[in-house]
N, C-alpha and C. Protein backbone atom coordinates (compact mmCIF):
# COMPACT_ATOMS: atom_id res chain seq x y z
N MET A 1 -64.58 -17.69 64.05
CA MET A 1 -63.80 -18.79 63.62
C MET A 1 -62.97 -19.21 64.81
N ARG A 2 -63.02 -20.54 65.01
CA ARG A 2 -62.30 -21.16 66.19
C ARG A 2 -60.87 -21.18 65.98
N GLU A 3 -60.07 -20.64 66.99
CA GLU A 3 -58.63 -20.70 66.98
C GLU A 3 -58.10 -22.09 67.33
N SER A 4 -57.26 -22.61 66.55
CA SER A 4 -56.61 -23.96 66.95
C SER A 4 -55.14 -23.75 67.16
N GLU A 5 -54.70 -24.40 68.20
CA GLU A 5 -53.26 -24.40 68.57
C GLU A 5 -52.52 -25.41 67.70
N PRO A 6 -51.39 -24.99 67.13
CA PRO A 6 -50.68 -25.93 66.34
C PRO A 6 -49.89 -26.93 67.22
N ASP A 7 -49.49 -28.05 66.65
CA ASP A 7 -48.61 -28.94 67.26
C ASP A 7 -47.23 -28.27 67.12
N THR A 8 -46.37 -28.43 68.13
CA THR A 8 -45.04 -27.74 68.14
C THR A 8 -43.91 -28.80 68.26
N GLU A 9 -42.94 -28.69 67.48
CA GLU A 9 -41.78 -29.63 67.51
C GLU A 9 -40.48 -28.82 67.23
N LEU A 10 -39.52 -29.08 68.08
CA LEU A 10 -38.14 -28.52 67.84
C LEU A 10 -37.47 -29.25 66.70
N GLY A 11 -36.95 -28.50 65.78
CA GLY A 11 -36.31 -29.06 64.60
C GLY A 11 -34.88 -29.52 64.84
N PRO A 12 -34.38 -30.41 63.94
CA PRO A 12 -33.07 -31.02 64.18
C PRO A 12 -31.89 -30.06 64.00
N PHE A 13 -32.09 -28.90 63.44
CA PHE A 13 -31.04 -27.95 63.16
C PHE A 13 -30.86 -26.94 64.29
N SER A 14 -31.47 -27.23 65.39
CA SER A 14 -31.40 -26.39 66.54
C SER A 14 -30.11 -26.61 67.39
N SER A 15 -29.64 -25.58 68.12
CA SER A 15 -28.49 -25.75 69.05
C SER A 15 -28.89 -26.76 70.09
N PRO A 16 -27.91 -27.43 70.71
CA PRO A 16 -28.16 -28.42 71.78
C PRO A 16 -29.06 -27.88 72.94
N ALA A 17 -28.79 -26.59 73.35
CA ALA A 17 -29.48 -26.06 74.47
C ALA A 17 -30.86 -25.41 74.13
N ALA A 18 -31.22 -25.52 72.81
CA ALA A 18 -32.44 -24.89 72.31
C ALA A 18 -33.74 -25.51 72.87
N ARG A 19 -34.75 -24.67 72.97
CA ARG A 19 -36.11 -25.19 73.31
C ARG A 19 -37.00 -24.70 72.20
N ALA A 20 -38.12 -25.41 71.95
CA ALA A 20 -39.09 -25.01 71.00
C ALA A 20 -39.69 -23.72 71.40
N THR A 21 -39.93 -22.88 70.40
CA THR A 21 -40.54 -21.61 70.65
C THR A 21 -42.05 -21.79 70.82
N PRO A 22 -42.62 -21.39 71.94
CA PRO A 22 -44.08 -21.52 72.10
C PRO A 22 -44.86 -20.76 71.04
N TRP A 23 -46.01 -21.32 70.67
CA TRP A 23 -46.84 -20.63 69.66
C TRP A 23 -47.18 -19.20 70.14
N ALA A 24 -47.41 -18.95 71.41
CA ALA A 24 -47.74 -17.64 71.92
C ALA A 24 -46.57 -16.71 71.63
N ALA A 25 -45.34 -17.10 71.71
CA ALA A 25 -44.21 -16.22 71.39
C ALA A 25 -44.18 -15.86 69.90
N ALA A 26 -44.54 -16.87 69.04
CA ALA A 26 -44.59 -16.59 67.59
C ALA A 26 -45.70 -15.66 67.25
N LEU A 27 -46.86 -15.81 67.88
CA LEU A 27 -47.97 -14.88 67.72
C LEU A 27 -47.60 -13.50 68.15
N ALA A 28 -46.84 -13.37 69.25
CA ALA A 28 -46.38 -12.02 69.63
C ALA A 28 -45.52 -11.33 68.64
N VAL A 29 -44.64 -12.07 67.96
CA VAL A 29 -43.80 -11.54 66.93
C VAL A 29 -44.74 -11.07 65.73
N ILE A 30 -45.67 -11.94 65.37
CA ILE A 30 -46.60 -11.58 64.24
C ILE A 30 -47.39 -10.39 64.64
N GLY A 31 -47.79 -10.18 65.90
CA GLY A 31 -48.56 -9.04 66.33
C GLY A 31 -47.78 -7.74 66.34
N GLU A 32 -46.50 -7.86 66.51
CA GLU A 32 -45.64 -6.60 66.57
C GLU A 32 -45.03 -6.29 65.19
N ALA A 33 -44.95 -7.24 64.31
CA ALA A 33 -44.29 -7.04 63.04
C ALA A 33 -45.08 -6.04 62.19
N GLU A 34 -44.40 -5.12 61.57
CA GLU A 34 -45.13 -4.18 60.70
C GLU A 34 -45.13 -4.61 59.20
N VAL A 35 -44.08 -5.29 58.83
CA VAL A 35 -43.97 -5.66 57.42
C VAL A 35 -43.76 -7.14 57.30
N PHE A 36 -44.51 -7.75 56.32
CA PHE A 36 -44.43 -9.14 55.97
C PHE A 36 -44.04 -9.29 54.55
N TRP A 37 -43.46 -10.36 54.21
CA TRP A 37 -43.16 -10.75 52.83
C TRP A 37 -44.01 -11.86 52.39
N LEU A 38 -44.78 -11.57 51.33
CA LEU A 38 -45.69 -12.66 50.72
C LEU A 38 -45.01 -13.25 49.55
N SER A 39 -44.86 -14.62 49.50
CA SER A 39 -44.32 -15.29 48.43
C SER A 39 -45.42 -16.12 47.71
N THR A 40 -45.63 -15.89 46.43
CA THR A 40 -46.62 -16.59 45.66
C THR A 40 -45.91 -17.15 44.45
N VAL A 41 -46.69 -17.90 43.58
CA VAL A 41 -46.10 -18.43 42.39
C VAL A 41 -46.86 -17.93 41.17
N ARG A 42 -46.15 -17.43 40.20
CA ARG A 42 -46.73 -16.95 38.96
C ARG A 42 -47.28 -18.12 38.12
N PRO A 43 -48.21 -17.90 37.30
CA PRO A 43 -48.69 -19.05 36.44
C PRO A 43 -47.67 -19.84 35.66
N ASP A 44 -46.45 -19.11 35.33
CA ASP A 44 -45.49 -19.81 34.60
C ASP A 44 -44.50 -20.48 35.54
N GLY A 45 -44.81 -20.47 36.85
CA GLY A 45 -43.93 -21.23 37.84
C GLY A 45 -42.85 -20.37 38.49
N ARG A 46 -42.67 -19.15 37.96
CA ARG A 46 -41.65 -18.31 38.65
C ARG A 46 -42.15 -17.70 40.02
N PRO A 47 -41.28 -17.54 40.95
CA PRO A 47 -41.71 -17.01 42.24
C PRO A 47 -41.97 -15.51 42.15
N HIS A 48 -42.76 -15.00 43.08
CA HIS A 48 -43.06 -13.64 43.19
C HIS A 48 -43.11 -13.28 44.73
N VAL A 49 -42.27 -12.27 45.13
CA VAL A 49 -42.28 -11.95 46.53
C VAL A 49 -42.52 -10.45 46.68
N THR A 50 -43.39 -10.04 47.57
CA THR A 50 -43.75 -8.65 47.80
C THR A 50 -43.95 -8.35 49.24
N PRO A 51 -43.55 -7.12 49.65
CA PRO A 51 -43.81 -6.71 51.09
C PRO A 51 -45.28 -6.23 51.19
N LEU A 52 -45.86 -6.47 52.34
CA LEU A 52 -47.15 -5.90 52.61
C LEU A 52 -47.51 -5.90 54.11
N LEU A 53 -48.67 -5.29 54.44
CA LEU A 53 -49.20 -5.34 55.82
C LEU A 53 -49.93 -6.66 56.03
N ALA A 54 -49.86 -7.20 57.19
CA ALA A 54 -50.57 -8.43 57.49
C ALA A 54 -50.89 -8.45 58.98
N ALA A 55 -51.92 -9.15 59.32
CA ALA A 55 -52.30 -9.31 60.73
C ALA A 55 -52.86 -10.68 60.92
N TRP A 56 -52.69 -11.23 62.17
CA TRP A 56 -53.34 -12.48 62.53
C TRP A 56 -54.76 -12.18 62.91
N SER A 57 -55.68 -12.77 62.13
CA SER A 57 -57.11 -12.53 62.31
C SER A 57 -57.89 -13.74 61.67
N LEU A 58 -59.04 -13.96 62.24
CA LEU A 58 -59.88 -14.99 61.70
C LEU A 58 -59.23 -16.33 61.70
N GLY A 59 -58.27 -16.50 62.66
CA GLY A 59 -57.54 -17.84 62.75
C GLY A 59 -56.52 -18.03 61.74
N GLY A 60 -56.06 -17.03 61.12
CA GLY A 60 -54.99 -17.11 60.12
C GLY A 60 -54.34 -15.81 59.81
N MET A 61 -53.48 -15.75 58.88
CA MET A 61 -52.81 -14.54 58.44
C MET A 61 -53.69 -13.83 57.37
N CYS A 62 -53.96 -12.58 57.60
CA CYS A 62 -54.81 -11.80 56.63
C CYS A 62 -53.96 -10.69 56.08
N PHE A 63 -54.26 -10.42 54.81
CA PHE A 63 -53.69 -9.32 54.00
C PHE A 63 -54.64 -8.82 52.95
N THR A 64 -54.38 -7.65 52.39
CA THR A 64 -55.24 -7.07 51.41
C THR A 64 -54.44 -6.86 50.12
N THR A 65 -55.18 -6.78 49.01
CA THR A 65 -54.54 -6.42 47.76
C THR A 65 -55.67 -6.05 46.70
N GLY A 66 -55.27 -5.36 45.74
CA GLY A 66 -56.20 -5.10 44.52
C GLY A 66 -56.32 -6.34 43.75
N GLY A 67 -57.48 -6.46 43.17
CA GLY A 67 -57.82 -7.62 42.28
C GLY A 67 -56.97 -7.88 41.10
N GLN A 68 -56.39 -6.77 40.56
CA GLN A 68 -55.52 -6.89 39.49
C GLN A 68 -53.98 -6.91 39.74
N GLU A 69 -53.63 -6.81 41.07
CA GLU A 69 -52.20 -6.91 41.38
C GLU A 69 -51.65 -8.24 41.17
N ARG A 70 -50.36 -8.31 40.87
CA ARG A 70 -49.68 -9.62 40.55
C ARG A 70 -50.01 -10.67 41.58
N LYS A 71 -49.93 -10.32 42.90
CA LYS A 71 -50.18 -11.31 43.97
C LYS A 71 -51.57 -11.88 43.87
N ALA A 72 -52.56 -11.04 43.61
CA ALA A 72 -53.94 -11.52 43.44
C ALA A 72 -54.06 -12.47 42.23
N ARG A 73 -53.46 -12.13 41.09
CA ARG A 73 -53.54 -12.96 39.96
C ARG A 73 -52.84 -14.28 40.15
N ASN A 74 -51.73 -14.19 40.90
CA ASN A 74 -51.04 -15.42 41.19
C ASN A 74 -51.83 -16.33 42.12
N LEU A 75 -52.54 -15.76 43.12
CA LEU A 75 -53.35 -16.54 44.04
C LEU A 75 -54.58 -17.07 43.36
N ASP A 76 -55.12 -16.41 42.34
CA ASP A 76 -56.17 -16.89 41.55
C ASP A 76 -55.74 -18.18 40.83
N HIS A 77 -54.48 -18.26 40.42
CA HIS A 77 -54.05 -19.45 39.70
C HIS A 77 -53.60 -20.56 40.71
N ASP A 78 -52.93 -20.19 41.77
CA ASP A 78 -52.49 -21.13 42.81
C ASP A 78 -52.54 -20.47 44.14
N PRO A 79 -53.43 -20.86 44.99
CA PRO A 79 -53.55 -20.21 46.31
C PRO A 79 -52.58 -20.54 47.34
N HIS A 80 -51.63 -21.44 47.10
CA HIS A 80 -50.63 -21.72 48.07
C HIS A 80 -49.62 -20.57 48.18
N CYS A 81 -49.23 -20.24 49.37
CA CYS A 81 -48.34 -19.07 49.54
C CYS A 81 -47.61 -19.19 50.93
N VAL A 82 -46.66 -18.24 51.12
CA VAL A 82 -45.90 -18.15 52.33
C VAL A 82 -45.83 -16.72 52.79
N LEU A 83 -46.05 -16.48 54.03
CA LEU A 83 -45.81 -15.18 54.65
C LEU A 83 -44.63 -15.24 55.63
N THR A 84 -43.76 -14.27 55.59
CA THR A 84 -42.52 -14.35 56.39
C THR A 84 -42.34 -12.93 57.02
N THR A 85 -41.87 -12.92 58.28
CA THR A 85 -41.56 -11.70 58.99
C THR A 85 -40.43 -12.02 59.98
N GLY A 86 -39.93 -10.98 60.55
CA GLY A 86 -38.91 -11.09 61.64
C GLY A 86 -37.96 -10.01 61.62
N THR A 87 -36.66 -10.30 61.93
CA THR A 87 -35.64 -9.26 62.04
C THR A 87 -34.69 -9.40 60.94
N ASN A 88 -34.04 -8.29 60.59
CA ASN A 88 -33.08 -8.27 59.62
C ASN A 88 -31.67 -8.19 60.39
N ALA A 89 -31.54 -9.14 61.26
CA ALA A 89 -30.35 -9.24 62.17
C ALA A 89 -30.14 -10.67 62.49
N LEU A 90 -28.92 -10.87 63.16
CA LEU A 90 -28.62 -12.23 63.54
C LEU A 90 -29.16 -12.62 64.91
N THR A 91 -29.92 -11.72 65.55
CA THR A 91 -30.60 -11.98 66.76
C THR A 91 -32.10 -11.87 66.55
N GLY A 92 -32.87 -12.38 67.43
CA GLY A 92 -34.31 -12.24 67.35
C GLY A 92 -34.97 -13.50 66.85
N LEU A 93 -36.15 -13.40 66.37
CA LEU A 93 -36.96 -14.43 65.85
C LEU A 93 -37.59 -14.19 64.60
N ASP A 94 -37.49 -15.09 63.63
CA ASP A 94 -38.12 -14.95 62.31
C ASP A 94 -39.24 -16.02 62.26
N ILE A 95 -40.35 -15.62 61.71
CA ILE A 95 -41.58 -16.41 61.60
C ILE A 95 -41.90 -16.63 60.03
N VAL A 96 -42.30 -17.87 59.73
CA VAL A 96 -42.73 -18.27 58.42
C VAL A 96 -44.07 -19.01 58.59
N ILE A 97 -45.06 -18.59 57.81
CA ILE A 97 -46.41 -19.23 57.78
C ILE A 97 -46.62 -19.64 56.36
N GLU A 98 -46.83 -20.97 56.21
CA GLU A 98 -47.17 -21.52 54.91
C GLU A 98 -48.64 -21.92 54.90
N GLY A 99 -49.34 -21.76 53.82
CA GLY A 99 -50.72 -22.16 53.81
C GLY A 99 -51.38 -21.79 52.45
N VAL A 100 -52.73 -21.92 52.53
CA VAL A 100 -53.54 -21.63 51.32
C VAL A 100 -54.36 -20.39 51.57
N ALA A 101 -54.29 -19.45 50.71
CA ALA A 101 -55.00 -18.18 50.75
C ALA A 101 -56.37 -18.22 50.12
N SER A 102 -57.37 -17.67 50.76
CA SER A 102 -58.69 -17.64 50.13
C SER A 102 -59.30 -16.26 50.42
N PRO A 103 -60.07 -15.70 49.50
CA PRO A 103 -60.67 -14.42 49.69
C PRO A 103 -61.67 -14.52 50.77
N VAL A 104 -61.75 -13.48 51.61
CA VAL A 104 -62.79 -13.50 52.69
C VAL A 104 -64.02 -12.80 52.12
N GLY A 105 -65.13 -13.57 51.92
CA GLY A 105 -66.36 -12.94 51.33
C GLY A 105 -67.32 -12.47 52.36
N ASP A 106 -67.36 -12.99 53.51
CA ASP A 106 -68.33 -12.65 54.54
C ASP A 106 -68.09 -11.26 55.10
N ARG A 107 -69.10 -10.40 55.02
CA ARG A 107 -68.93 -9.05 55.48
C ARG A 107 -68.56 -8.92 56.95
N SER A 108 -69.20 -9.71 57.84
CA SER A 108 -68.80 -9.67 59.26
C SER A 108 -67.38 -10.14 59.46
N GLU A 109 -66.88 -11.10 58.74
CA GLU A 109 -65.48 -11.47 58.89
C GLU A 109 -64.57 -10.30 58.42
N ARG A 110 -64.90 -9.72 57.28
CA ARG A 110 -64.11 -8.61 56.81
C ARG A 110 -64.07 -7.49 57.84
N GLU A 111 -65.25 -7.22 58.46
CA GLU A 111 -65.25 -6.22 59.54
C GLU A 111 -64.36 -6.55 60.69
N ARG A 112 -64.37 -7.83 61.08
CA ARG A 112 -63.50 -8.27 62.19
C ARG A 112 -62.04 -8.15 61.83
N ALA A 113 -61.67 -8.56 60.66
CA ALA A 113 -60.29 -8.45 60.20
C ALA A 113 -59.88 -7.04 60.11
N VAL A 114 -60.71 -6.08 59.58
CA VAL A 114 -60.41 -4.64 59.60
C VAL A 114 -60.14 -4.13 61.02
N ALA A 115 -60.99 -4.55 61.92
CA ALA A 115 -60.78 -4.10 63.33
C ALA A 115 -59.40 -4.53 63.80
N ASP A 116 -59.05 -5.77 63.52
CA ASP A 116 -57.72 -6.30 63.91
C ASP A 116 -56.61 -5.53 63.23
N PHE A 117 -56.68 -5.14 61.95
CA PHE A 117 -55.74 -4.39 61.22
C PHE A 117 -55.63 -3.03 61.88
N GLU A 118 -56.82 -2.37 62.13
CA GLU A 118 -56.79 -1.04 62.72
C GLU A 118 -56.19 -1.04 64.08
N THR A 119 -56.45 -2.05 64.87
CA THR A 119 -55.82 -2.16 66.25
C THR A 119 -54.30 -2.21 66.09
N LYS A 120 -53.89 -3.05 65.14
CA LYS A 120 -52.41 -3.28 64.96
C LYS A 120 -51.70 -2.07 64.36
N TYR A 121 -52.30 -1.49 63.25
CA TYR A 121 -51.59 -0.42 62.55
C TYR A 121 -51.97 0.91 62.89
N GLY A 122 -53.00 1.12 63.76
CA GLY A 122 -53.43 2.39 64.30
C GLY A 122 -53.64 3.47 63.26
N ALA A 123 -53.01 4.60 63.56
CA ALA A 123 -53.15 5.85 62.77
C ALA A 123 -52.77 5.72 61.31
N HIS A 124 -51.96 4.72 60.96
CA HIS A 124 -51.68 4.48 59.54
C HIS A 124 -52.95 4.20 58.76
N LEU A 125 -53.93 3.57 59.42
CA LEU A 125 -55.26 3.20 58.77
C LEU A 125 -56.42 4.11 59.27
N THR A 126 -56.29 4.64 60.43
CA THR A 126 -57.47 5.29 61.04
C THR A 126 -57.45 6.83 60.98
N ASP A 127 -56.27 7.43 60.83
CA ASP A 127 -56.12 8.85 60.82
C ASP A 127 -56.23 9.40 59.38
N PRO A 128 -56.99 10.46 59.14
CA PRO A 128 -57.06 10.98 57.80
C PRO A 128 -55.71 11.30 57.14
N GLY A 129 -54.67 11.52 57.90
CA GLY A 129 -53.35 11.74 57.32
C GLY A 129 -52.58 10.43 57.16
N GLY A 130 -53.16 9.31 57.55
CA GLY A 130 -52.45 8.02 57.52
C GLY A 130 -52.26 7.52 56.09
N THR A 131 -51.15 6.86 55.88
CA THR A 131 -50.80 6.34 54.52
C THR A 131 -51.95 5.50 53.94
N TRP A 132 -52.63 4.68 54.76
CA TRP A 132 -53.63 3.78 54.20
C TRP A 132 -55.00 4.10 54.71
N TYR A 133 -55.22 5.39 55.06
CA TYR A 133 -56.53 5.80 55.46
C TYR A 133 -57.55 5.43 54.44
N GLY A 134 -58.69 4.90 54.91
CA GLY A 134 -59.78 4.50 53.99
C GLY A 134 -59.70 3.02 53.53
N LEU A 135 -58.61 2.42 53.83
CA LEU A 135 -58.43 1.06 53.42
C LEU A 135 -59.48 0.12 54.09
N GLY A 136 -59.73 0.42 55.37
CA GLY A 136 -60.74 -0.38 56.11
C GLY A 136 -62.08 -0.35 55.45
N GLU A 137 -62.55 0.84 55.14
CA GLU A 137 -63.81 0.96 54.48
C GLU A 137 -63.87 0.23 53.14
N ALA A 138 -62.80 0.37 52.42
CA ALA A 138 -62.71 -0.33 51.08
C ALA A 138 -62.77 -1.91 51.24
N VAL A 139 -62.10 -2.40 52.33
CA VAL A 139 -62.12 -3.84 52.54
C VAL A 139 -63.53 -4.26 52.94
N VAL A 140 -64.12 -3.56 53.90
CA VAL A 140 -65.49 -3.95 54.31
C VAL A 140 -66.48 -3.89 53.15
N ALA A 141 -66.37 -2.89 52.30
CA ALA A 141 -67.25 -2.78 51.15
C ALA A 141 -66.96 -3.88 50.05
N GLY A 142 -65.82 -4.52 50.14
CA GLY A 142 -65.49 -5.47 49.11
C GLY A 142 -64.73 -4.87 47.94
N ASP A 143 -64.38 -3.62 48.01
CA ASP A 143 -63.68 -2.95 46.91
C ASP A 143 -62.18 -3.30 46.83
N VAL A 144 -61.64 -3.88 47.94
CA VAL A 144 -60.23 -4.31 48.00
C VAL A 144 -60.32 -5.77 48.55
N ARG A 145 -59.62 -6.64 47.92
CA ARG A 145 -59.59 -8.06 48.35
C ARG A 145 -58.98 -8.19 49.73
N LEU A 146 -59.59 -8.97 50.54
CA LEU A 146 -59.00 -9.42 51.82
C LEU A 146 -58.83 -10.90 51.70
N TYR A 147 -57.59 -11.39 51.96
CA TYR A 147 -57.25 -12.83 51.93
C TYR A 147 -56.94 -13.28 53.33
N ARG A 148 -57.34 -14.49 53.61
CA ARG A 148 -56.99 -15.21 54.86
C ARG A 148 -56.17 -16.38 54.42
N VAL A 149 -54.96 -16.50 55.02
CA VAL A 149 -54.17 -17.68 54.77
C VAL A 149 -54.40 -18.68 55.89
N ALA A 150 -55.01 -19.77 55.56
CA ALA A 150 -55.21 -20.85 56.52
C ALA A 150 -53.83 -21.50 56.76
N PRO A 151 -53.28 -21.37 57.94
CA PRO A 151 -51.97 -21.89 58.13
C PRO A 151 -51.94 -23.45 58.12
N ALA A 152 -50.98 -24.00 57.43
CA ALA A 152 -50.73 -25.43 57.37
C ALA A 152 -49.51 -25.76 58.19
N THR A 153 -48.44 -25.07 57.92
CA THR A 153 -47.17 -25.30 58.49
C THR A 153 -46.56 -23.91 58.86
N GLY A 154 -45.94 -23.81 59.97
CA GLY A 154 -45.19 -22.56 60.33
C GLY A 154 -43.93 -22.91 60.95
N PHE A 155 -43.02 -21.89 60.97
CA PHE A 155 -41.68 -22.10 61.55
C PHE A 155 -41.35 -20.85 62.35
N ALA A 156 -40.67 -21.03 63.44
CA ALA A 156 -40.06 -19.94 64.17
C ALA A 156 -38.60 -20.23 64.18
N PHE A 157 -37.68 -19.32 63.72
CA PHE A 157 -36.31 -19.47 63.65
C PHE A 157 -35.67 -18.55 64.70
N GLY A 158 -35.25 -19.16 65.82
CA GLY A 158 -34.61 -18.34 66.86
C GLY A 158 -33.15 -18.19 66.41
N LYS A 159 -32.61 -17.00 66.64
CA LYS A 159 -31.26 -16.74 66.25
C LYS A 159 -30.36 -16.50 67.45
N LEU A 160 -29.17 -16.02 67.25
CA LEU A 160 -28.24 -15.91 68.35
C LEU A 160 -28.83 -15.30 69.62
N PRO A 161 -28.45 -15.73 70.79
CA PRO A 161 -27.30 -16.52 71.07
C PRO A 161 -27.54 -18.07 70.95
N VAL A 162 -28.80 -18.48 70.93
CA VAL A 162 -29.13 -19.97 70.77
C VAL A 162 -30.01 -20.07 69.56
N SER A 163 -29.53 -20.87 68.59
CA SER A 163 -30.34 -21.05 67.38
C SER A 163 -31.38 -22.17 67.61
N SER A 164 -32.52 -21.90 67.14
CA SER A 164 -33.61 -22.93 67.22
C SER A 164 -34.49 -22.89 65.94
N GLN A 165 -35.00 -24.06 65.65
CA GLN A 165 -35.97 -24.13 64.54
C GLN A 165 -37.17 -24.88 65.05
N THR A 166 -38.25 -24.11 65.23
CA THR A 166 -39.52 -24.73 65.70
C THR A 166 -40.47 -24.92 64.52
N ARG A 167 -41.05 -26.06 64.48
CA ARG A 167 -42.05 -26.32 63.37
C ARG A 167 -43.40 -26.40 64.03
N TYR A 168 -44.39 -25.68 63.44
CA TYR A 168 -45.77 -25.70 63.86
C TYR A 168 -46.57 -26.37 62.75
N THR A 169 -47.45 -27.26 63.19
CA THR A 169 -48.39 -27.89 62.24
C THR A 169 -49.79 -27.87 62.83
N TRP A 170 -50.70 -27.57 62.01
CA TRP A 170 -52.09 -27.48 62.43
C TRP A 170 -52.82 -28.80 62.09
N PRO A 171 -53.33 -29.47 63.12
CA PRO A 171 -54.09 -30.72 62.84
C PRO A 171 -55.15 -30.59 61.84
N GLY A 172 -55.26 -31.57 60.96
CA GLY A 172 -56.34 -31.54 59.98
C GLY A 172 -56.05 -30.67 58.73
N ARG A 173 -54.84 -30.14 58.64
CA ARG A 173 -54.61 -29.30 57.49
C ARG A 173 -53.48 -29.83 56.67
């Protein structure tokens, strides 16, 4: 899958000395973050937010879930969602990716995503004593759903000492 660079724009709520956060810096935060928050919408319109593992792979944000979990049922009804990560502090960088989630059906793409997850999360997925050991095999086999969120809009929120709001948009989405 071809990677596309988003258009980058500094938002109006940024400090006077702020500069737009380069996409490469946002990707670095995504690559280092261990926990993400997925926001979906229930069929009755109420929001649903849950923490999960996620990795940038296949040109978007990827995550897994069981087919009967609330987030999967929500995405079956409405695939629009948001993934958020960052710091729980007044310093650092927070990242938000908005887009449409779709199940990854192609086995070779699932294998690529699993490799990216295993590189990122290491022993948690690859060691027999790891919390999610065996998840990769279940994803490749199709026993666990793998979703890819095609990013439409993203944000990087730089915090103290200089506040910035960077908006990323992907052409054609």
